[in-house]
Amino acid sequence: MKRIILGSSLLFCALFTAPAMHAQESVEVLIRENGTERQESIELPKSMTYPLDSLLNDWKAKNYIDLGKDCSTSTVNPMFSDSVYIDRLSRMPTVMEMPYNEIVRKFIDMYAGRLRNQVAFMLSACNFYMPIFEEALDAYGLPLELKYLPIIESALNPSAVSRAGACGLWQFMLATGKIYGLESNSLVDERRDPIKATWAAARYLKDMYDIYKDWNLVIAAYN
């Protein structure tokens, strides 16, 4: 499921760019396969349920992120057909598969609609965080499209904490963070450090790929 949502996030960014948690929400999706139809409830990524105020009040957001004119939430959403999404996904220079289906379409419509304010924040935050992500991923020879994983994990909020205890942009669990050199004690938590956590995440992702040899499995197993 993370792989599908990652694909819709990547496509959304490509189309439109030229810490307490609320109860997790879900959307109803009609899935068609093998000549049958079934209704399924798909949970939103936890990151998309974070209150927007908590994101904007983060110190880094206030000092480094500018909600510029390209991230306006007052303009009309452009509408595209399925064929446009399929064509653009097929032309993306990515190592990882970028599928298009009913679920992906549902998330694209949702990100462009009722979650528009959160997406505007994240598109602005991309200007600050993406160069950090790309440098670390490139250094370890990893697919650069993995830079969109923190959007799903934390909505690019370095202070995000899940109910399970995962923390930071990359949502490291305490034990996993320590394995990859992130110090956590009563005074400091390096899982919240965008640079240190990013390089730790790159090493973690590389290690998992060495085990699974499949990026779909790596994303599914992340954390």
N, C-alpha and C. Protein backbone atom coordinates (compact mmCIF):
# COMPACT_ATOMS: atom_id res chain seq x y z
N MET A 1 0.82 -1.21 0.00
CA MET A 1 0.00 0.00 0.00
C MET A 1 0.86 1.26 0.00
N LYS A 2 1.99 1.24 0.79
CA LYS A 2 2.88 2.40 0.77
C LYS A 2 3.38 2.68 -0.64
N ARG A 3 3.67 1.60 -1.40
CA ARG A 3 4.17 1.76 -2.76
C ARG A 3 3.15 2.48 -3.62
N ILE A 4 1.86 2.11 -3.48
CA ILE A 4 0.81 2.74 -4.27
C ILE A 4 0.67 4.21 -3.89
N ILE A 5 0.68 4.50 -2.59
CA ILE A 5 0.53 5.88 -2.15
C ILE A 5 1.77 6.69 -2.51
N LEU A 6 2.96 6.07 -2.45
CA LEU A 6 4.18 6.75 -2.87
C LEU A 6 4.07 7.16 -4.32
N GLY A 7 3.53 6.27 -5.15
CA GLY A 7 3.37 6.59 -6.55
C GLY A 7 2.43 7.75 -6.77
N SER A 8 1.32 7.79 -6.05
CA SER A 8 0.37 8.90 -6.20
C SER A 8 0.97 10.19 -5.68
N SER A 9 1.79 10.13 -4.63
CA SER A 9 2.45 11.32 -4.10
C SER A 9 3.46 11.86 -5.10
N LEU A 10 4.23 10.95 -5.71
CA LEU A 10 5.22 11.37 -6.69
C LEU A 10 4.53 12.02 -7.88
N LEU A 11 3.47 11.39 -8.38
CA LEU A 11 2.75 11.95 -9.52
C LEU A 11 2.14 13.28 -9.17
N PHE A 12 1.57 13.41 -7.98
CA PHE A 12 0.95 14.67 -7.57
C PHE A 12 1.99 15.79 -7.57
N CYS A 13 3.18 15.53 -7.00
CA CYS A 13 4.24 16.54 -6.96
C CYS A 13 4.68 16.91 -8.36
N ALA A 14 4.77 15.92 -9.25
CA ALA A 14 5.19 16.19 -10.61
C ALA A 14 4.16 17.03 -11.36
N LEU A 15 2.89 16.82 -11.06
CA LEU A 15 1.84 17.54 -11.75
C LEU A 15 1.70 18.97 -11.28
N PHE A 16 1.90 19.24 -10.01
CA PHE A 16 1.54 20.53 -9.44
C PHE A 16 2.71 21.35 -8.96
N THR A 17 3.94 20.96 -9.22
CA THR A 17 5.07 21.78 -8.83
C THR A 17 5.71 22.31 -10.08
N ALA A 18 5.74 22.77 -11.24
CA ALA A 18 6.53 23.14 -12.46
C ALA A 18 7.54 24.01 -12.05
N PRO A 19 3.49 17.01 18.53
CA PRO A 19 2.85 16.59 17.39
C PRO A 19 1.95 15.52 17.66
N ALA A 20 0.82 15.84 18.03
CA ALA A 20 -0.24 14.85 18.29
C ALA A 20 -0.85 14.47 16.97
N MET A 21 -1.52 13.35 16.95
CA MET A 21 -2.10 12.84 15.73
C MET A 21 -3.59 12.65 15.92
N HIS A 22 -4.36 13.05 14.89
CA HIS A 22 -5.78 12.79 14.95
C HIS A 22 -6.03 11.32 14.68
N ALA A 23 -7.24 10.86 14.96
CA ALA A 23 -7.59 9.48 14.64
C ALA A 23 -7.42 9.26 13.14
N GLN A 24 -6.87 8.13 12.78
CA GLN A 24 -6.58 7.87 11.39
C GLN A 24 -7.85 7.79 10.58
N GLU A 25 -7.86 8.46 9.39
CA GLU A 25 -9.01 8.48 8.52
C GLU A 25 -8.85 7.43 7.44
N SER A 26 -9.93 7.20 6.69
CA SER A 26 -9.87 6.25 5.60
C SER A 26 -10.79 6.73 4.48
N VAL A 27 -10.58 6.16 3.29
CA VAL A 27 -11.43 6.47 2.15
C VAL A 27 -11.94 5.16 1.57
N GLU A 28 -13.13 5.21 0.98
CA GLU A 28 -13.72 4.03 0.36
C GLU A 28 -13.31 3.98 -1.11
N VAL A 29 -12.83 2.83 -1.55
CA VAL A 29 -12.33 2.66 -2.91
C VAL A 29 -13.00 1.45 -3.55
N LEU A 30 -13.45 1.62 -4.80
CA LEU A 30 -14.01 0.51 -5.56
C LEU A 30 -12.89 -0.15 -6.35
N ILE A 31 -12.62 -1.42 -6.07
CA ILE A 31 -11.53 -2.14 -6.73
C ILE A 31 -12.11 -3.14 -7.71
N ARG A 32 -11.66 -3.06 -8.96
CA ARG A 32 -12.11 -3.97 -10.01
C ARG A 32 -10.96 -4.87 -10.42
N GLU A 33 -11.15 -6.17 -10.35
CA GLU A 33 -10.14 -7.11 -10.82
C GLU A 33 -10.79 -8.46 -11.11
N ASN A 34 -10.26 -9.12 -12.12
CA ASN A 34 -10.75 -10.45 -12.51
C ASN A 34 -12.26 -10.47 -12.76
N GLY A 35 -12.76 -9.37 -13.32
CA GLY A 35 -14.17 -9.31 -13.66
C GLY A 35 -15.11 -9.11 -12.49
N THR A 36 -14.56 -8.86 -11.31
CA THR A 36 -15.39 -8.63 -10.13
C THR A 36 -15.11 -7.25 -9.54
N GLU A 37 -16.03 -6.80 -8.71
CA GLU A 37 -15.88 -5.52 -8.03
C GLU A 37 -16.03 -5.72 -6.53
N ARG A 38 -15.24 -4.96 -5.76
CA ARG A 38 -15.41 -5.01 -4.31
C ARG A 38 -15.05 -3.65 -3.73
N GLN A 39 -15.70 -3.32 -2.63
CA GLN A 39 -15.48 -2.05 -1.93
C GLN A 39 -14.50 -2.29 -0.78
N GLU A 40 -13.46 -1.47 -0.73
CA GLU A 40 -12.49 -1.59 0.35
C GLU A 40 -12.27 -0.23 1.01
N SER A 41 -11.99 -0.27 2.30
CA SER A 41 -11.65 0.94 3.05
C SER A 41 -10.14 1.04 3.13
N ILE A 42 -9.57 2.11 2.56
CA ILE A 42 -8.12 2.31 2.52
C ILE A 42 -7.75 3.41 3.51
N GLU A 43 -6.87 3.11 4.43
CA GLU A 43 -6.47 4.10 5.43
C GLU A 43 -5.58 5.16 4.81
N LEU A 44 -5.78 6.41 5.24
CA LEU A 44 -4.88 7.49 4.86
C LEU A 44 -3.52 7.27 5.50
N PRO A 45 -2.44 7.72 4.83
CA PRO A 45 -1.15 7.73 5.52
C PRO A 45 -1.26 8.53 6.81
N LYS A 46 -0.64 8.05 7.87
CA LYS A 46 -0.73 8.74 9.17
C LYS A 46 -0.32 10.20 9.03
N SER A 47 0.66 10.47 8.16
CA SER A 47 1.17 11.84 8.05
C SER A 47 0.10 12.81 7.59
N MET A 48 -0.86 12.34 6.78
CA MET A 48 -1.88 13.24 6.25
C MET A 48 -2.95 13.56 7.27
N THR A 49 -2.90 12.97 8.46
CA THR A 49 -3.87 13.28 9.50
C THR A 49 -3.29 14.23 10.55
N TYR A 50 -2.02 14.65 10.38
CA TYR A 50 -1.46 15.60 11.33
C TYR A 50 -2.18 16.94 11.21
N PRO A 51 -2.48 17.60 12.32
CA PRO A 51 -3.08 18.92 12.25
C PRO A 51 -2.15 19.89 11.53
N LEU A 52 -2.69 20.65 10.56
CA LEU A 52 -1.85 21.56 9.80
C LEU A 52 -1.21 22.61 10.69
N ASP A 53 -1.91 23.07 11.72
CA ASP A 53 -1.34 24.08 12.61
C ASP A 53 -0.05 23.61 13.25
N SER A 54 0.03 22.35 13.62
CA SER A 54 1.24 21.85 14.26
C SER A 54 2.40 21.82 13.28
N LEU A 55 2.11 21.62 11.99
CA LEU A 55 3.17 21.64 10.99
C LEU A 55 3.69 23.05 10.79
N LEU A 56 2.79 24.00 10.66
CA LEU A 56 3.20 25.37 10.39
C LEU A 56 3.86 26.02 11.59
N ASN A 57 3.55 25.55 12.80
CA ASN A 57 4.14 26.12 14.00
C ASN A 57 5.50 25.52 14.33
N ASP A 58 5.91 24.49 13.59
CA ASP A 58 7.24 23.92 13.80
C ASP A 58 8.29 24.99 13.52
N TRP A 59 9.36 25.04 14.35
CA TRP A 59 10.37 26.10 14.24
C TRP A 59 11.01 26.11 12.86
N LYS A 60 11.34 24.95 12.34
CA LYS A 60 11.98 24.88 11.03
C LYS A 60 11.05 25.38 9.95
N ALA A 61 9.76 25.05 10.08
CA ALA A 61 8.80 25.51 9.09
C ALA A 61 8.70 27.03 9.09
N LYS A 62 8.65 27.63 10.28
CA LYS A 62 8.50 29.08 10.36
C LYS A 62 9.73 29.81 9.85
N ASN A 63 10.91 29.20 9.97
CA ASN A 63 12.14 29.89 9.61
C ASN A 63 12.66 29.56 8.21
N TYR A 64 12.27 28.42 7.66
CA TYR A 64 12.87 28.01 6.40
C TYR A 64 11.89 27.70 5.28
N ILE A 65 10.61 27.64 5.58
CA ILE A 65 9.65 27.24 4.56
C ILE A 65 8.75 28.41 4.20
N ASP A 66 8.71 28.73 2.91
CA ASP A 66 7.91 29.84 2.42
C ASP A 66 6.77 29.30 1.56
N LEU A 67 5.55 29.55 1.98
CA LEU A 67 4.39 29.15 1.18
C LEU A 67 4.22 30.15 0.04
N GLY A 68 4.99 29.96 -1.03
CA GLY A 68 5.03 30.89 -2.14
C GLY A 68 3.79 30.84 -3.01
N LYS A 69 3.84 31.63 -4.10
CA LYS A 69 2.67 31.74 -4.97
C LYS A 69 2.34 30.43 -5.68
N ASP A 70 3.36 29.57 -5.89
CA ASP A 70 3.12 28.30 -6.55
C ASP A 70 2.38 27.30 -5.66
N CYS A 71 2.24 27.64 -4.38
CA CYS A 71 1.57 26.74 -3.43
C CYS A 71 0.26 27.34 -2.94
N SER A 72 -0.38 28.11 -3.79
CA SER A 72 -1.65 28.73 -3.43
C SER A 72 -2.73 27.68 -3.26
N THR A 73 -3.56 27.87 -2.24
CA THR A 73 -4.68 26.94 -2.02
C THR A 73 -6.01 27.53 -2.47
N SER A 74 -5.96 28.72 -3.07
CA SER A 74 -7.21 29.38 -3.46
C SER A 74 -7.52 29.22 -4.94
N THR A 75 -6.58 28.70 -5.72
CA THR A 75 -6.82 28.53 -7.15
C THR A 75 -7.66 27.29 -7.42
N VAL A 76 -8.20 27.22 -8.62
CA VAL A 76 -9.04 26.09 -9.01
C VAL A 76 -8.16 24.89 -9.34
N ASN A 77 -8.55 23.71 -8.86
CA ASN A 77 -7.78 22.50 -9.16
C ASN A 77 -7.95 22.10 -10.62
N PRO A 78 -6.84 21.89 -11.34
CA PRO A 78 -6.97 21.36 -12.70
C PRO A 78 -7.41 19.90 -12.65
N MET A 79 -8.25 19.50 -13.58
CA MET A 79 -8.73 18.12 -13.63
C MET A 79 -8.09 17.42 -14.83
N PHE A 80 -7.64 16.19 -14.61
CA PHE A 80 -7.00 15.42 -15.67
C PHE A 80 -7.69 14.07 -15.81
N SER A 81 -7.66 13.54 -17.01
CA SER A 81 -8.25 12.22 -17.26
C SER A 81 -7.29 11.12 -16.83
N ASP A 82 -7.81 9.90 -16.73
CA ASP A 82 -6.96 8.77 -16.39
C ASP A 82 -5.83 8.60 -17.38
N SER A 83 -6.10 8.85 -18.66
CA SER A 83 -5.07 8.66 -19.68
C SER A 83 -3.88 9.60 -19.47
N VAL A 84 -4.16 10.80 -18.97
CA VAL A 84 -3.07 11.75 -18.70
C VAL A 84 -2.19 11.25 -17.56
N TYR A 85 -2.82 10.78 -16.49
CA TYR A 85 -2.05 10.25 -15.36
C TYR A 85 -1.23 9.03 -15.79
N ILE A 86 -1.85 8.13 -16.55
CA ILE A 86 -1.14 6.93 -17.00
C ILE A 86 0.06 7.31 -17.86
N ASP A 87 -0.14 8.26 -18.77
CA ASP A 87 0.95 8.69 -19.65
C ASP A 87 2.09 9.32 -18.86
N ARG A 88 1.76 10.19 -17.91
CA ARG A 88 2.81 10.87 -17.16
C ARG A 88 3.56 9.90 -16.24
N LEU A 89 2.84 8.96 -15.67
CA LEU A 89 3.51 7.95 -14.85
C LEU A 89 4.45 7.10 -15.69
N SER A 90 4.01 6.74 -16.89
CA SER A 90 4.83 5.88 -17.75
C SER A 90 6.09 6.59 -18.22
N ARG A 91 6.06 7.92 -18.28
CA ARG A 91 7.21 8.68 -18.76
C ARG A 91 8.14 9.14 -17.65
N MET A 92 7.81 8.83 -16.41
CA MET A 92 8.69 9.20 -15.30
C MET A 92 9.95 8.34 -15.31
N PRO A 93 11.12 8.98 -15.23
CA PRO A 93 12.38 8.23 -15.23
C PRO A 93 12.67 7.63 -13.86
N THR A 94 11.96 6.58 -13.51
CA THR A 94 12.09 5.99 -12.18
C THR A 94 12.51 4.53 -12.26
N VAL A 95 13.22 4.08 -11.24
CA VAL A 95 13.59 2.67 -11.11
C VAL A 95 12.41 1.87 -10.57
N MET A 96 11.69 2.47 -9.64
CA MET A 96 10.58 1.80 -8.98
C MET A 96 9.31 1.90 -9.83
N GLU A 97 8.50 0.87 -9.76
CA GLU A 97 7.24 0.85 -10.49
C GLU A 97 6.30 1.92 -9.95
N MET A 98 5.66 2.65 -10.87
CA MET A 98 4.68 3.67 -10.50
C MET A 98 3.32 3.27 -11.08
N PRO A 99 2.54 2.47 -10.35
CA PRO A 99 1.28 1.96 -10.90
C PRO A 99 0.20 3.03 -10.92
N TYR A 100 -0.81 2.80 -11.74
CA TYR A 100 -1.99 3.66 -11.72
C TYR A 100 -3.22 2.76 -11.66
N ASN A 101 -4.09 3.04 -10.69
CA ASN A 101 -5.30 2.25 -10.52
C ASN A 101 -6.32 3.09 -9.76
N GLU A 102 -7.42 2.46 -9.37
CA GLU A 102 -8.49 3.17 -8.67
C GLU A 102 -8.00 3.81 -7.37
N ILE A 103 -7.12 3.11 -6.67
CA ILE A 103 -6.63 3.62 -5.38
C ILE A 103 -5.77 4.85 -5.59
N VAL A 104 -4.85 4.77 -6.57
CA VAL A 104 -3.98 5.92 -6.85
C VAL A 104 -4.83 7.13 -7.24
N ARG A 105 -5.82 6.93 -8.10
CA ARG A 105 -6.69 8.03 -8.53
C ARG A 105 -7.42 8.64 -7.34
N LYS A 106 -7.87 7.80 -6.42
CA LYS A 106 -8.60 8.29 -5.25
C LYS A 106 -7.71 9.19 -4.41
N PHE A 107 -6.45 8.78 -4.23
CA PHE A 107 -5.54 9.58 -3.42
C PHE A 107 -5.15 10.88 -4.12
N ILE A 108 -4.96 10.84 -5.44
CA ILE A 108 -4.66 12.07 -6.18
C ILE A 108 -5.79 13.07 -6.01
N ASP A 109 -7.03 12.61 -6.20
CA ASP A 109 -8.18 13.50 -6.05
C ASP A 109 -8.28 14.05 -4.63
N MET A 110 -7.95 13.22 -3.65
CA MET A 110 -8.04 13.66 -2.26
C MET A 110 -6.95 14.68 -1.93
N TYR A 111 -5.72 14.42 -2.41
CA TYR A 111 -4.62 15.37 -2.16
C TYR A 111 -4.91 16.72 -2.81
N ALA A 112 -5.57 16.70 -3.97
CA ALA A 112 -5.87 17.94 -4.67
C ALA A 112 -7.13 18.62 -4.13
N GLY A 113 -7.89 17.90 -3.30
CA GLY A 113 -9.14 18.43 -2.78
C GLY A 113 -9.08 18.80 -1.33
N ARG A 114 -9.62 17.94 -0.47
CA ARG A 114 -9.77 18.32 0.94
C ARG A 114 -8.45 18.35 1.70
N LEU A 115 -7.39 17.74 1.16
CA LEU A 115 -6.08 17.82 1.82
C LEU A 115 -5.17 18.83 1.14
N ARG A 116 -5.77 19.76 0.43
CA ARG A 116 -5.01 20.73 -0.37
C ARG A 116 -4.08 21.58 0.49
N ASN A 117 -4.52 21.99 1.68
CA ASN A 117 -3.68 22.82 2.54
C ASN A 117 -2.43 22.06 2.99
N GLN A 118 -2.59 20.79 3.37
CA GLN A 118 -1.44 20.00 3.77
C GLN A 118 -0.47 19.82 2.61
N VAL A 119 -1.01 19.61 1.41
CA VAL A 119 -0.16 19.42 0.24
C VAL A 119 0.59 20.71 -0.08
N ALA A 120 -0.07 21.86 0.07
CA ALA A 120 0.60 23.14 -0.17
C ALA A 120 1.80 23.30 0.75
N PHE A 121 1.62 22.94 2.02
CA PHE A 121 2.73 23.00 2.96
C PHE A 121 3.86 22.07 2.52
N MET A 122 3.51 20.85 2.13
CA MET A 122 4.55 19.88 1.77
C MET A 122 5.29 20.28 0.50
N LEU A 123 4.58 20.85 -0.47
CA LEU A 123 5.25 21.30 -1.68
C LEU A 123 6.25 22.40 -1.37
N SER A 124 5.92 23.27 -0.43
CA SER A 124 6.87 24.30 -0.02
C SER A 124 8.03 23.70 0.74
N ALA A 125 7.74 22.74 1.62
CA ALA A 125 8.80 22.10 2.40
C ALA A 125 9.75 21.32 1.51
N CYS A 126 9.26 20.84 0.37
CA CYS A 126 10.13 20.09 -0.55
C CYS A 126 11.34 20.90 -0.97
N ASN A 127 11.17 22.20 -1.14
CA ASN A 127 12.29 23.05 -1.56
C ASN A 127 13.42 23.03 -0.55
N PHE A 128 13.09 22.82 0.71
CA PHE A 128 14.10 22.79 1.78
C PHE A 128 14.67 21.40 1.98
N TYR A 129 13.80 20.39 2.00
CA TYR A 129 14.24 19.04 2.38
C TYR A 129 14.73 18.18 1.22
N MET A 130 14.19 18.35 0.02
CA MET A 130 14.53 17.44 -1.07
C MET A 130 16.02 17.41 -1.42
N PRO A 131 16.73 18.54 -1.44
CA PRO A 131 18.17 18.46 -1.70
C PRO A 131 18.92 17.62 -0.66
N ILE A 132 18.46 17.66 0.59
CA ILE A 132 19.07 16.84 1.64
C ILE A 132 18.83 15.36 1.35
N PHE A 133 17.59 15.03 1.00
CA PHE A 133 17.25 13.64 0.71
C PHE A 133 18.01 13.13 -0.51
N GLU A 134 18.04 13.94 -1.57
CA GLU A 134 18.67 13.51 -2.81
C GLU A 134 20.17 13.26 -2.63
N GLU A 135 20.83 14.10 -1.87
CA GLU A 135 22.27 13.93 -1.65
C GLU A 135 22.57 12.59 -0.99
N ALA A 136 21.81 12.25 0.05
CA ALA A 136 22.05 11.00 0.78
C ALA A 136 21.68 9.79 -0.07
N LEU A 137 20.56 9.84 -0.76
CA LEU A 137 20.14 8.71 -1.59
C LEU A 137 21.13 8.47 -2.72
N ASP A 138 21.59 9.55 -3.34
CA ASP A 138 22.56 9.42 -4.44
C ASP A 138 23.88 8.85 -3.94
N ALA A 139 24.29 9.25 -2.75
CA ALA A 139 25.56 8.76 -2.20
C ALA A 139 25.55 7.25 -2.00
N TYR A 140 24.38 6.69 -1.73
CA TYR A 140 24.27 5.24 -1.53
C TYR A 140 23.73 4.51 -2.76
N GLY A 141 23.60 5.23 -3.87
CA GLY A 141 23.15 4.60 -5.10
C GLY A 141 21.72 4.14 -5.07
N LEU A 142 20.86 4.84 -4.34
CA LEU A 142 19.46 4.46 -4.20
C LEU A 142 18.57 5.24 -5.17
N PRO A 143 17.41 4.70 -5.54
CA PRO A 143 16.49 5.44 -6.42
C PRO A 143 16.08 6.76 -5.79
N LEU A 144 16.19 7.83 -6.56
CA LEU A 144 15.89 9.15 -6.01
C LEU A 144 14.41 9.32 -5.68
N GLU A 145 13.55 8.49 -6.28
CA GLU A 145 12.12 8.62 -5.95
C GLU A 145 11.82 8.25 -4.51
N LEU A 146 12.78 7.65 -3.82
CA LEU A 146 12.60 7.38 -2.38
C LEU A 146 12.54 8.66 -1.56
N LYS A 147 12.90 9.78 -2.17
CA LYS A 147 12.83 11.06 -1.45
C LYS A 147 11.39 11.42 -1.09
N TYR A 148 10.42 10.78 -1.73
CA TYR A 148 9.02 11.06 -1.41
C TYR A 148 8.50 10.22 -0.25
N LEU A 149 9.28 9.27 0.22
CA LEU A 149 8.84 8.43 1.33
C LEU A 149 8.54 9.22 2.61
N PRO A 150 9.36 10.25 2.97
CA PRO A 150 9.03 11.03 4.17
C PRO A 150 7.71 11.80 4.06
N ILE A 151 7.25 12.06 2.84
CA ILE A 151 5.94 12.70 2.70
C ILE A 151 4.86 11.77 3.24
N ILE A 152 4.97 10.49 2.93
CA ILE A 152 4.01 9.51 3.43
C ILE A 152 4.21 9.26 4.92
N GLU A 153 5.46 9.19 5.34
CA GLU A 153 5.77 8.84 6.73
C GLU A 153 5.44 9.97 7.71
N SER A 154 5.78 11.21 7.36
CA SER A 154 5.69 12.30 8.35
C SER A 154 5.09 13.59 7.83
N ALA A 155 4.67 13.65 6.56
CA ALA A 155 4.23 14.90 5.96
C ALA A 155 5.31 15.97 6.05
N LEU A 156 6.59 15.53 6.00
CA LEU A 156 7.75 16.43 6.08
C LEU A 156 7.74 17.24 7.37
N ASN A 157 7.28 16.62 8.44
CA ASN A 157 7.29 17.26 9.75
C ASN A 157 8.37 16.60 10.61
N PRO A 158 9.51 17.26 10.86
CA PRO A 158 10.60 16.64 11.63
C PRO A 158 10.24 16.38 13.08
N SER A 159 9.15 16.96 13.56
CA SER A 159 8.73 16.75 14.95
C SER A 159 7.62 15.71 15.07
N ALA A 160 7.25 15.08 13.97
CA ALA A 160 6.15 14.11 13.98
C ALA A 160 6.49 12.91 14.86
N VAL A 161 5.53 12.50 15.68
CA VAL A 161 5.68 11.32 16.54
C VAL A 161 4.41 10.47 16.38
N SER A 162 4.57 9.21 16.04
CA SER A 162 3.42 8.33 15.88
C SER A 162 3.03 7.71 17.22
N ARG A 163 1.85 7.13 17.26
CA ARG A 163 1.41 6.47 18.49
C ARG A 163 2.29 5.28 18.84
N ALA A 164 2.96 4.71 17.84
CA ALA A 164 3.86 3.58 18.09
C ALA A 164 5.23 4.03 18.57
N GLY A 165 5.49 5.36 18.52
CA GLY A 165 6.77 5.87 19.00
C GLY A 165 7.76 6.22 17.91
N ALA A 166 7.39 6.01 16.63
CA ALA A 166 8.26 6.41 15.54
C ALA A 166 8.35 7.93 15.50
N CYS A 167 9.53 8.44 15.13
CA CYS A 167 9.77 9.88 15.30
C CYS A 167 10.54 10.44 14.12
N GLY A 168 10.28 11.71 13.82
CA GLY A 168 11.06 12.45 12.84
C GLY A 168 10.56 12.32 11.41
N LEU A 169 11.30 12.94 10.49
CA LEU A 169 10.93 12.93 9.09
C LEU A 169 10.77 11.52 8.54
N TRP A 170 11.70 10.66 8.95
CA TRP A 170 11.72 9.29 8.42
C TRP A 170 11.06 8.30 9.36
N GLN A 171 10.48 8.77 10.44
CA GLN A 171 9.71 7.93 11.37
C GLN A 171 10.50 6.71 11.85
N PHE A 172 11.70 6.97 12.37
CA PHE A 172 12.50 5.90 12.95
C PHE A 172 11.93 5.48 14.30
N MET A 173 11.83 4.17 14.51
CA MET A 173 11.60 3.66 15.85
C MET A 173 12.88 3.83 16.65
N LEU A 174 12.76 3.89 17.98
CA LEU A 174 13.92 4.16 18.83
C LEU A 174 15.05 3.15 18.59
N ALA A 175 14.72 1.87 18.60
CA ALA A 175 15.75 0.83 18.46
C ALA A 175 16.41 0.89 17.08
N THR A 176 15.60 1.08 16.04
CA THR A 176 16.16 1.16 14.68
C THR A 176 17.07 2.37 14.54
N GLY A 177 16.64 3.50 15.11
CA GLY A 177 17.47 4.70 15.05
C GLY A 177 18.83 4.49 15.70
N LYS A 178 18.84 3.83 16.83
CA LYS A 178 20.11 3.59 17.53
C LYS A 178 21.02 2.66 16.73
N ILE A 179 20.43 1.67 16.07
CA ILE A 179 21.23 0.77 15.23
C ILE A 179 21.96 1.56 14.15
N TYR A 180 21.33 2.60 13.65
CA TYR A 180 21.91 3.40 12.57
C TYR A 180 22.54 4.70 13.07
N GLY A 181 22.90 4.71 14.34
CA GLY A 181 23.74 5.78 14.87
C GLY A 181 23.04 7.03 15.32
N LEU A 182 21.73 6.99 15.49
CA LEU A 182 20.99 8.17 15.93
C LEU A 182 20.85 8.14 17.45
N GLU A 183 21.43 9.12 18.10
CA GLU A 183 21.41 9.17 19.57
C GLU A 183 20.04 9.62 20.06
N SER A 184 19.54 8.94 21.05
CA SER A 184 18.26 9.31 21.68
C SER A 184 18.38 9.15 23.18
N ASN A 185 18.19 10.24 23.91
CA ASN A 185 18.20 10.19 25.36
C ASN A 185 17.25 11.25 25.89
N SER A 186 17.34 11.57 27.17
CA SER A 186 16.41 12.52 27.78
C SER A 186 16.62 13.94 27.27
N LEU A 187 17.78 14.23 26.69
CA LEU A 187 18.10 15.59 26.28
C LEU A 187 18.11 15.79 24.77
N VAL A 188 18.34 14.75 24.01
CA VAL A 188 18.45 14.90 22.56
C VAL A 188 17.84 13.69 21.87
N ASP A 189 17.25 13.93 20.72
CA ASP A 189 16.71 12.85 19.90
C ASP A 189 17.08 13.14 18.45
N GLU A 190 18.13 12.48 17.98
CA GLU A 190 18.63 12.77 16.64
C GLU A 190 17.72 12.23 15.54
N ARG A 191 16.68 11.50 15.90
CA ARG A 191 15.69 11.12 14.89
C ARG A 191 14.98 12.35 14.35
N ARG A 192 14.99 13.43 15.10
CA ARG A 192 14.36 14.69 14.68
C ARG A 192 15.31 15.56 13.86
N ASP A 193 16.56 15.16 13.76
CA ASP A 193 17.55 15.92 12.99
C ASP A 193 17.40 15.57 11.51
N PRO A 194 16.98 16.52 10.66
CA PRO A 194 16.72 16.19 9.25
C PRO A 194 17.92 15.59 8.53
N ILE A 195 19.11 16.10 8.80
CA ILE A 195 20.29 15.63 8.06
C ILE A 195 20.75 14.27 8.57
N LYS A 196 20.93 14.15 9.88
CA LYS A 196 21.39 12.87 10.44
C LYS A 196 20.39 11.75 10.18
N ALA A 197 19.11 12.06 10.34
CA ALA A 197 18.08 11.03 10.12
C ALA A 197 18.02 10.62 8.66
N THR A 198 18.25 11.56 7.75
CA THR A 198 18.21 11.23 6.32
C THR A 198 19.34 10.29 5.93
N TRP A 199 20.55 10.55 6.43
CA TRP A 199 21.67 9.67 6.11
C TRP A 199 21.49 8.30 6.76
N ALA A 200 20.90 8.29 7.94
CA ALA A 200 20.61 7.00 8.59
C ALA A 200 19.55 6.23 7.79
N ALA A 201 18.54 6.94 7.29
CA ALA A 201 17.49 6.30 6.50
C ALA A 201 18.05 5.72 5.21
N ALA A 202 18.99 6.44 4.59
CA ALA A 202 19.60 5.94 3.35
C ALA A 202 20.34 4.63 3.61
N ARG A 203 21.07 4.56 4.72
CA ARG A 203 21.78 3.32 5.06
C ARG A 203 20.79 2.20 5.35
N TYR A 204 19.72 2.54 6.06
CA TYR A 204 18.68 1.56 6.40
C TYR A 204 18.02 1.00 5.13
N LEU A 205 17.67 1.89 4.21
CA LEU A 205 17.04 1.46 2.96
C LEU A 205 17.98 0.59 2.13
N LYS A 206 19.25 0.97 2.11
CA LYS A 206 20.22 0.16 1.36
C LYS A 206 20.36 -1.23 1.97
N ASP A 207 20.42 -1.29 3.29
CA ASP A 207 20.54 -2.59 3.95
C ASP A 207 19.32 -3.47 3.66
N MET A 208 18.13 -2.86 3.66
CA MET A 208 16.93 -3.65 3.38
C MET A 208 16.90 -4.12 1.93
N TYR A 209 17.39 -3.28 1.01
CA TYR A 209 17.42 -3.72 -0.38
C TYR A 209 18.41 -4.87 -0.57
N ASP A 210 19.52 -4.83 0.16
CA ASP A 210 20.48 -5.93 0.10
C ASP A 210 19.86 -7.25 0.57
N ILE A 211 18.85 -7.13 1.44
CA ILE A 211 18.17 -8.33 1.94
C ILE A 211 17.07 -8.79 0.98
N TYR A 212 16.20 -7.85 0.57
CA TYR A 212 15.00 -8.23 -0.19
C TYR A 212 15.17 -8.20 -1.71
N LYS A 213 16.10 -7.37 -2.21
CA LYS A 213 16.34 -7.25 -3.65
C LYS A 213 15.10 -6.82 -4.44
N ASP A 214 14.21 -6.13 -3.78
CA ASP A 214 12.96 -5.70 -4.43
C ASP A 214 12.47 -4.45 -3.71
N TRP A 215 12.32 -3.35 -4.45
CA TRP A 215 11.95 -2.09 -3.80
C TRP A 215 10.53 -2.11 -3.27
N ASN A 216 9.64 -2.87 -3.89
CA ASN A 216 8.28 -2.99 -3.36
C ASN A 216 8.30 -3.60 -1.97
N LEU A 217 9.12 -4.62 -1.78
CA LEU A 217 9.23 -5.26 -0.46
C LEU A 217 9.91 -4.33 0.53
N VAL A 218 10.89 -3.57 0.07
CA VAL A 218 11.60 -2.65 0.96
C VAL A 218 10.64 -1.62 1.53
N ILE A 219 9.82 -1.02 0.66
CA ILE A 219 8.87 -0.01 1.12
C ILE A 219 7.83 -0.63 2.05
N ALA A 220 7.37 -1.82 1.71
CA ALA A 220 6.39 -2.50 2.56
C ALA A 220 6.96 -2.81 3.93
N ALA A 221 8.27 -3.11 3.99
CA ALA A 221 8.90 -3.50 5.25
C ALA A 221 9.48 -2.33 6.02
N TYR A 222 9.45 -1.13 5.43
CA TYR A 222 10.08 0.02 6.08
C TYR A 222 9.48 0.25 7.46
N ASN A 223 10.34 0.31 8.47
CA ASN A 223 9.93 0.48 9.86
C ASN A 223 9.15 -0.73 10.35
